[in-house]
C-alpha cells in the first residue's frame, strides 16, 4: 500500500523507472527516489553555476536587466545550498563585463579609487557608466547598448568587435541608433 501511494504521486515518466521488483519494499523505493533526487540536484547545481559564469552583460539590453539576471542565478543556487558571498558576487560582476577598452578602464577606475570593494558600490556606478556610454554613442535610453548578429559559423559578435571565425575576418557592426 505504501508503494502504491508513493508511486501514485510520481509523474508517469518517473514512475516507470521504479516498476522493477526490487522496489517492492517501500524503504528501498524511498531511498532510490531520494538518491535520484540528490543526483538531479547535483546536476542542477552544475547547470546553475555554468549559467552564472556565462551571464555576460552583452547578452542583455541594459545593466539593470543583467544585474537582475545575475541575482536570479545567484538566488537559484540556494536550492543547491550554495551561497555566493559579496566577494564572489564582485568577481562575477567584474569578470562578466565586456572585455573592451571602455569597460576595462571603468573597472580600473573603480579599483584604483577603492570603489570596487563592495558590490553595492559597483552596482550603483554601473548605471551611470551605462548612461555615459549611451550618450557618447548617441543612443536613446531605451536602445540596446549591445547589438548581436549571428555571423558565419554561428558565432555572435557585439558592436565594434572584430573577431575571426573559421579563418575568415568578420565585419564589425555599427549602431546608428535606429
Protein backbone atom coordinates (compact mmCIF):
# COMPACT_ATOMS: atom_id res chain seq x y z
CA UNK A 1 0.00 0.00 0.00
CA UNK A 2 2.88 2.39 0.78
CA UNK A 3 4.45 1.71 -2.63
CA UNK A 4 1.15 2.41 -4.37
CA UNK A 5 0.77 5.70 -2.52
CA UNK A 6 4.32 6.80 -3.32
CA UNK A 7 4.13 5.79 -6.98
CA UNK A 8 0.68 7.33 -7.42
CA UNK A 9 2.18 10.74 -6.63
CA UNK A 10 5.03 10.37 -9.11
CA UNK A 11 4.83 11.67 -12.64
CA UNK A 12 4.16 8.76 -15.06
CA UNK A 13 7.51 9.13 -16.82
CA UNK A 14 9.30 8.93 -13.45
CA UNK A 15 7.02 6.19 -12.10
CA UNK A 16 8.12 3.81 -14.86
CA UNK A 17 11.70 3.91 -13.52
CA UNK A 18 10.59 2.32 -10.25
CA UNK A 19 8.49 -0.60 -11.59
CA UNK A 20 11.24 -3.16 -11.02
CA UNK A 21 10.57 -5.86 -8.40
CA UNK A 22 13.48 -4.64 -6.27
CA UNK A 23 11.34 -1.62 -5.39
CA UNK A 24 8.58 -3.71 -3.75
CA UNK A 25 9.98 -2.72 -0.37
CA UNK A 26 8.80 0.85 0.38
CA UNK A 27 12.07 1.66 2.19
CA UNK A 28 14.16 0.62 -0.85
CA UNK A 29 11.83 2.61 -3.14
CA UNK A 30 12.06 5.72 -0.98
CA UNK A 31 15.88 5.52 -0.73
CA UNK A 32 16.16 5.11 -4.53
CA UNK A 33 13.93 8.15 -5.08
CA UNK A 34 15.99 10.15 -2.58
CA UNK A 35 19.29 9.12 -4.23
CA UNK A 36 17.95 10.03 -7.67
CA UNK A 37 16.71 13.38 -6.34
CA UNK A 38 20.16 14.17 -4.95
CA UNK A 39 21.73 13.36 -8.34
CA UNK A 40 19.27 15.71 -10.05
CA UNK A 41 20.07 18.49 -7.57
CA UNK A 42 23.82 17.99 -8.19
CA UNK A 43 23.31 18.29 -11.96
CA UNK A 44 21.10 21.33 -11.44
CA UNK A 45 23.84 22.94 -9.34
CA UNK A 46 26.38 22.47 -12.10
CA UNK A 47 23.94 23.93 -14.63
CA UNK A 48 23.18 26.94 -12.42
CA UNK A 49 26.90 27.60 -11.80
CA UNK A 50 27.52 27.47 -15.57
CA UNK A 51 24.65 29.93 -16.11
CA UNK A 52 26.17 32.28 -13.56
CA UNK A 53 29.59 32.08 -15.17
CA UNK A 54 28.16 32.66 -18.66
CA UNK A 55 25.88 35.57 -17.69
CA UNK A 56 27.58 38.27 -19.79
CA UNK A 57 26.44 41.88 -19.97
CA UNK A 58 26.46 41.79 -23.76
CA UNK A 59 23.54 39.34 -23.70
CA UNK A 60 21.19 41.89 -22.07
CA UNK A 61 19.76 45.18 -23.32
CA UNK A 62 20.65 47.07 -20.14
CA UNK A 63 22.71 46.82 -17.00
CA UNK A 64 19.63 46.66 -14.78
CA UNK A 65 18.32 43.58 -16.64
CA UNK A 66 21.76 41.99 -16.49
CA UNK A 67 22.10 42.59 -12.74
CA UNK A 68 18.59 41.17 -12.25
CA UNK A 69 19.57 38.05 -14.22
CA UNK A 70 22.80 37.68 -12.23
CA UNK A 71 20.91 37.98 -8.94
CA UNK A 72 18.32 35.43 -10.14
CA UNK A 73 21.10 32.97 -11.00
CA UNK A 74 22.69 33.53 -7.59
CA UNK A 75 19.34 33.04 -5.83
CA UNK A 76 18.66 29.88 -7.86
CA UNK A 77 21.81 28.38 -6.36
CA UNK A 78 20.12 28.38 -2.95
CA UNK A 79 18.39 25.09 -3.82
CA UNK A 80 21.88 23.60 -4.03
CA UNK A 81 22.87 25.08 -0.66
CA UNK A 82 25.40 27.27 -2.46
CA UNK A 83 25.71 30.79 -1.15
CA UNK A 84 27.59 33.37 -3.18
CA UNK A 85 29.07 35.95 -0.83
CA UNK A 86 29.84 39.56 -1.76
CA UNK A 87 33.45 38.80 -2.70
CA UNK A 88 32.31 36.25 -5.29
CA UNK A 89 29.45 38.47 -6.48
CA UNK A 90 32.02 41.17 -7.14
CA UNK A 91 34.14 38.72 -9.14
CA UNK A 92 31.15 37.56 -11.20
CA UNK A 93 30.09 41.13 -11.92
CA UNK A 94 33.51 42.44 -12.89
CA UNK A 95 34.50 39.36 -14.91
CA UNK A 96 31.26 39.32 -16.90
CA UNK A 97 31.59 42.91 -18.09
CA UNK A 98 32.63 43.37 -21.74
CA UNK A 99 36.31 42.99 -22.44
CA UNK A 100 36.92 46.20 -24.35
CA UNK A 101 38.85 49.37 -23.62
CA UNK A 102 35.90 51.37 -22.23
CA UNK A 103 34.88 48.71 -19.72
CA UNK A 104 38.44 47.80 -18.71
CA UNK A 105 39.08 51.49 -17.96
CA UNK A 106 35.85 51.62 -15.95
CA UNK A 107 36.92 48.61 -13.85
CA UNK A 108 40.43 50.01 -13.34
CA UNK A 109 39.00 53.33 -12.20
CA UNK A 110 36.75 51.56 -9.69
CA UNK A 111 39.68 49.53 -8.41
CA UNK A 112 42.07 52.48 -8.15
CA UNK A 113 39.55 54.63 -6.30
CA UNK A 114 38.72 51.72 -3.97
CA UNK A 115 35.10 51.74 -5.20
CA UNK A 116 35.32 48.12 -6.33
CA UNK A 117 35.41 46.88 -2.74
CA UNK A 118 31.65 46.44 -2.31
CA UNK A 119 29.01 45.04 -4.66
CA UNK A 120 26.56 47.81 -3.77
CA UNK A 121 29.04 50.49 -4.81
CA UNK A 122 29.87 48.70 -8.08
CA UNK A 123 26.21 48.22 -8.99
CA UNK A 124 25.45 51.85 -8.15
CA UNK A 125 28.17 53.07 -10.56
CA UNK A 126 27.23 50.74 -13.43
CA UNK A 127 24.00 52.56 -14.46
CA UNK A 128 25.71 55.94 -14.61
CA UNK A 129 28.53 54.50 -16.71
CA UNK A 130 25.93 52.88 -18.97
CA UNK A 131 24.22 56.27 -19.38
CA UNK A 132 27.57 57.87 -20.20
CA UNK A 133 28.23 55.25 -22.87
CA UNK A 134 24.75 55.71 -24.34
CA UNK A 135 25.29 59.48 -24.59
CA UNK A 136 28.74 59.02 -26.11
CA UNK A 137 27.35 56.65 -28.74
CA UNK A 138 24.26 58.78 -29.37
CA UNK A 139 21.85 56.07 -28.19
CA UNK A 140 18.48 56.71 -26.63
CA UNK A 141 17.93 55.42 -23.07
CA UNK A 142 15.74 52.54 -24.30
CA UNK A 143 18.06 51.43 -27.14
CA UNK A 144 20.11 48.28 -26.69
CA UNK A 145 23.68 49.07 -25.70
CA UNK A 146 24.99 45.89 -27.33
CA UNK A 147 23.96 44.62 -30.74
CA UNK A 148 24.09 40.95 -31.58
CA UNK A 149 24.40 39.46 -35.01
CA UNK A 150 24.96 35.88 -35.99
CA UNK A 151 27.98 35.66 -38.24
CA UNK A 152 29.47 32.90 -40.32
CA UNK A 153 29.93 29.69 -38.42
CA UNK A 154 27.24 30.60 -35.88
CA UNK A 155 29.38 32.97 -33.85
CA UNK A 156 27.87 36.10 -32.42
CA UNK A 157 29.55 39.46 -32.48
CA UNK A 158 28.94 42.54 -30.38
CA UNK A 159 29.13 46.09 -31.60
CA UNK A 160 32.53 47.28 -32.64
CA UNK A 161 34.27 43.96 -32.04
CA UNK A 162 36.28 42.24 -34.69
CA UNK A 163 36.75 38.51 -34.47
CA UNK A 164 37.73 35.74 -36.76
CA UNK A 165 35.58 32.72 -37.41
CA UNK A 166 36.92 29.72 -39.31
CA UNK A 167 39.83 31.74 -40.61
CA UNK A 168 37.67 34.44 -42.21
CA UNK A 169 37.53 38.00 -40.97
CA UNK A 170 34.16 39.24 -39.79
CA UNK A 171 32.77 42.73 -40.16
CA UNK A 172 32.12 44.99 -37.21
CA UNK A 173 28.61 46.23 -36.54
CA UNK A 174 27.93 49.95 -36.35
CA UNK A 175 24.90 51.15 -34.42
CA UNK A 176 23.12 54.12 -35.95
CA UNK A 177 20.62 54.45 -33.09
CA UNK A 178 17.66 53.28 -35.20
